[in-house]
Amino acid sequence: MRLGLGALAALPTAIPGVRGLGEIVEALRVLPQLSDRLAAIEENTRRLPEIEARIEEVALGTAVLPDMVEHTRQIAETMPVLVELQESIPTIVPVLARLTDLIEPLHASVVELQKSAGTLADVTEPLQGAAERLGRMADRWPRRRSAE
């Protein structure tokens, strides 16, 4: 018994799924690429906890930024005053030099006074006991009553 090609040629129209078989085969050829992409996605997904931990570190590091902004603002506000002070330095230097000339003799006098006070303390310290005894004796002497 011999089958003719006529019945075989009619097969794609007879079976509706056979017509789309070529499209299915084409779609199946993409599966290895999809598998590779899914493997890459899986690998990257496993790294998410590490990435999250690093993001938290960055967040902690950026926590100081508001304070830094405030400090920078304060510095910017003081800059005009600092520029003014810088401009006045040339006029202050001669005044400071004159004050230094006046203070040097005062300093020498204070040093001398300190030495003198030390010497006086050294001399009067041994007399303190005698002065206390004399004071106690003076307290025992009879006092004159003033005429009323």
Protein backbone atom coordinates (compact mmCIF):
# COMPACT_ATOMS: atom_id res chain seq x y z
CA MET A 1 0.00 0.00 0.00
CA ARG A 2 1.32 3.28 -1.00
CA LEU A 3 0.50 6.56 0.51
CA GLY A 4 0.62 9.60 -1.63
CA LEU A 5 2.02 12.93 -0.62
CA GLY A 6 -1.34 14.54 -0.97
CA ALA A 7 -2.51 13.35 2.43
CA LEU A 8 0.82 14.31 4.00
CA ALA A 9 0.72 17.75 2.44
CA ALA A 10 -2.70 18.31 3.93
CA LEU A 11 -1.43 17.44 7.43
CA PRO A 12 -0.37 21.01 8.49
CA THR A 13 -3.81 22.32 7.69
CA ALA A 14 -5.46 19.37 9.34
CA ILE A 15 -3.61 19.80 12.66
CA PRO A 16 -3.81 23.41 13.85
CA GLY A 17 -0.80 23.10 16.20
CA VAL A 18 1.56 21.90 13.50
CA ARG A 19 1.39 25.23 11.73
CA GLY A 20 2.74 27.01 14.82
CA LEU A 21 5.37 24.29 15.39
CA GLY A 22 8.03 26.38 13.64
CA GLU A 23 7.26 29.33 15.90
CA ILE A 24 7.45 27.07 18.96
CA VAL A 25 10.85 25.76 17.84
CA GLU A 26 12.09 29.35 17.36
CA ALA A 27 10.84 30.26 20.83
CA LEU A 28 12.56 27.22 22.34
CA ARG A 29 15.89 28.30 20.83
CA VAL A 30 15.79 31.37 23.13
CA LEU A 31 15.64 29.21 26.29
CA PRO A 32 19.45 28.80 26.69
CA GLN A 33 19.88 32.60 26.57
CA LEU A 34 17.07 33.02 29.10
CA SER A 35 18.76 30.45 31.34
CA ASP A 36 22.03 32.42 31.22
CA ARG A 37 20.21 35.67 32.00
CA LEU A 38 18.35 34.07 34.91
CA ALA A 39 21.67 32.76 36.29
CA ALA A 40 23.11 36.31 36.15
CA ILE A 41 20.00 37.69 37.87
CA GLU A 42 20.32 35.02 40.56
CA GLU A 43 23.98 35.90 41.16
CA ASN A 44 23.20 39.61 41.42
CA THR A 45 20.27 38.92 43.74
CA ARG A 46 22.58 36.99 46.10
CA ARG A 47 24.79 40.10 46.36
CA LEU A 48 21.87 42.31 47.47
CA PRO A 49 22.49 41.87 51.26
CA GLU A 50 26.12 42.93 50.79
CA ILE A 51 25.04 45.90 48.71
CA GLU A 52 22.42 46.82 51.30
CA ALA A 53 25.07 46.73 54.06
CA ARG A 54 27.31 49.03 52.04
CA ILE A 55 24.42 51.41 51.41
CA GLU A 56 23.86 51.55 55.19
CA GLU A 57 27.55 52.42 55.66
CA VAL A 58 27.19 55.21 53.13
CA ALA A 59 24.05 56.41 54.91
CA LEU A 60 25.95 56.51 58.23
CA GLY A 61 28.76 58.40 56.53
CA THR A 62 26.39 60.97 55.13
CA ALA A 63 24.75 61.55 58.52
CA VAL A 64 27.41 64.20 59.26
CA LEU A 65 26.55 66.22 56.16
CA PRO A 66 23.89 68.44 57.81
CA ASP A 67 26.39 69.42 60.53
CA MET A 68 29.05 70.07 57.90
CA VAL A 69 26.63 72.26 55.97
CA GLU A 70 25.86 74.23 59.14
CA HIS A 71 29.57 74.64 59.95
CA THR A 72 30.26 75.75 56.39
CA ARG A 73 27.43 78.28 56.64
CA GLN A 74 28.86 79.63 59.91
CA ILE A 75 32.32 79.93 58.35
CA ALA A 76 30.84 81.75 55.37
CA GLU A 77 29.07 84.16 57.74
CA THR A 78 32.29 84.91 59.65
CA MET A 79 34.40 85.46 56.55
CA PRO A 80 33.56 89.19 56.21
CA VAL A 81 34.60 89.74 59.83
CA LEU A 82 37.82 87.82 59.28
CA VAL A 83 38.59 89.87 56.18
CA GLU A 84 37.99 93.04 58.21
CA LEU A 85 40.33 91.81 60.93
CA GLN A 86 42.94 90.92 58.36
CA GLU A 87 42.74 94.41 56.93
CA SER A 88 43.20 95.96 60.40
CA ILE A 89 46.33 93.93 61.23
CA PRO A 90 48.75 96.47 59.72
CA THR A 91 47.36 99.19 62.00
CA ILE A 92 47.34 96.94 65.08
CA VAL A 93 50.99 95.87 64.80
CA PRO A 94 52.49 99.31 65.67
CA VAL A 95 50.07 99.66 68.62
CA LEU A 96 51.10 96.23 69.89
CA ALA A 97 54.77 97.18 69.54
CA ARG A 98 54.21 100.36 71.62
CA LEU A 99 52.27 98.39 74.24
CA THR A 100 55.10 95.88 74.41
CA ASP A 101 57.56 98.70 75.03
CA LEU A 102 55.35 99.96 77.89
CA ILE A 103 54.70 96.54 79.40
CA GLU A 104 58.34 95.42 79.55
CA PRO A 105 59.27 97.89 82.35
CA LEU A 106 56.04 97.01 84.20
CA HIS A 107 56.94 93.36 83.97
CA ALA A 108 60.38 94.06 85.41
CA SER A 109 58.74 96.01 88.29
CA VAL A 110 56.33 93.16 89.01
CA VAL A 111 59.23 90.70 89.11
CA GLU A 112 61.06 92.97 91.57
CA LEU A 113 57.91 93.31 93.70
CA GLN A 114 57.54 89.54 93.73
CA LYS A 115 61.11 89.15 94.95
CA SER A 116 60.59 91.80 97.62
CA ALA A 117 57.36 90.17 98.78
CA GLY A 118 59.18 86.84 99.02
CA THR A 119 61.97 88.41 101.07
CA LEU A 120 59.45 90.15 103.33
CA ALA A 121 57.61 86.86 103.86
CA ASP A 122 60.87 85.13 104.70
CA VAL A 123 61.68 87.85 107.29
CA THR A 124 58.22 88.07 108.88
CA GLU A 125 57.49 84.35 109.06
CA PRO A 126 59.81 83.70 112.05
CA LEU A 127 58.33 86.75 113.83
CA GLN A 128 54.79 85.41 113.55
CA GLY A 129 55.05 83.18 116.62
CA ALA A 130 56.51 85.98 118.74
CA ALA A 131 53.79 88.38 117.59
CA GLU A 132 51.08 85.88 118.52
CA ARG A 133 52.56 85.41 122.04
CA LEU A 134 52.83 89.18 122.49
CA GLY A 135 49.22 89.52 121.38
CA ARG A 136 48.07 86.97 123.98
CA MET A 137 50.03 88.80 126.68
CA ALA A 138 48.53 92.14 125.65
CA ASP A 139 45.05 90.63 125.94
CA ARG A 140 45.76 89.80 129.64
CA TRP A 141 46.91 93.30 130.65
CA PRO A 142 44.37 95.32 132.48
CA ARG A 143 42.73 97.95 130.40
CA ARG A 144 42.16 101.46 131.41
CA ARG A 145 38.65 102.51 131.41
CA SER A 146 38.09 105.73 129.69
CA ALA A 147 36.52 108.58 131.60
CA GLU A 148 32.95 108.63 130.95
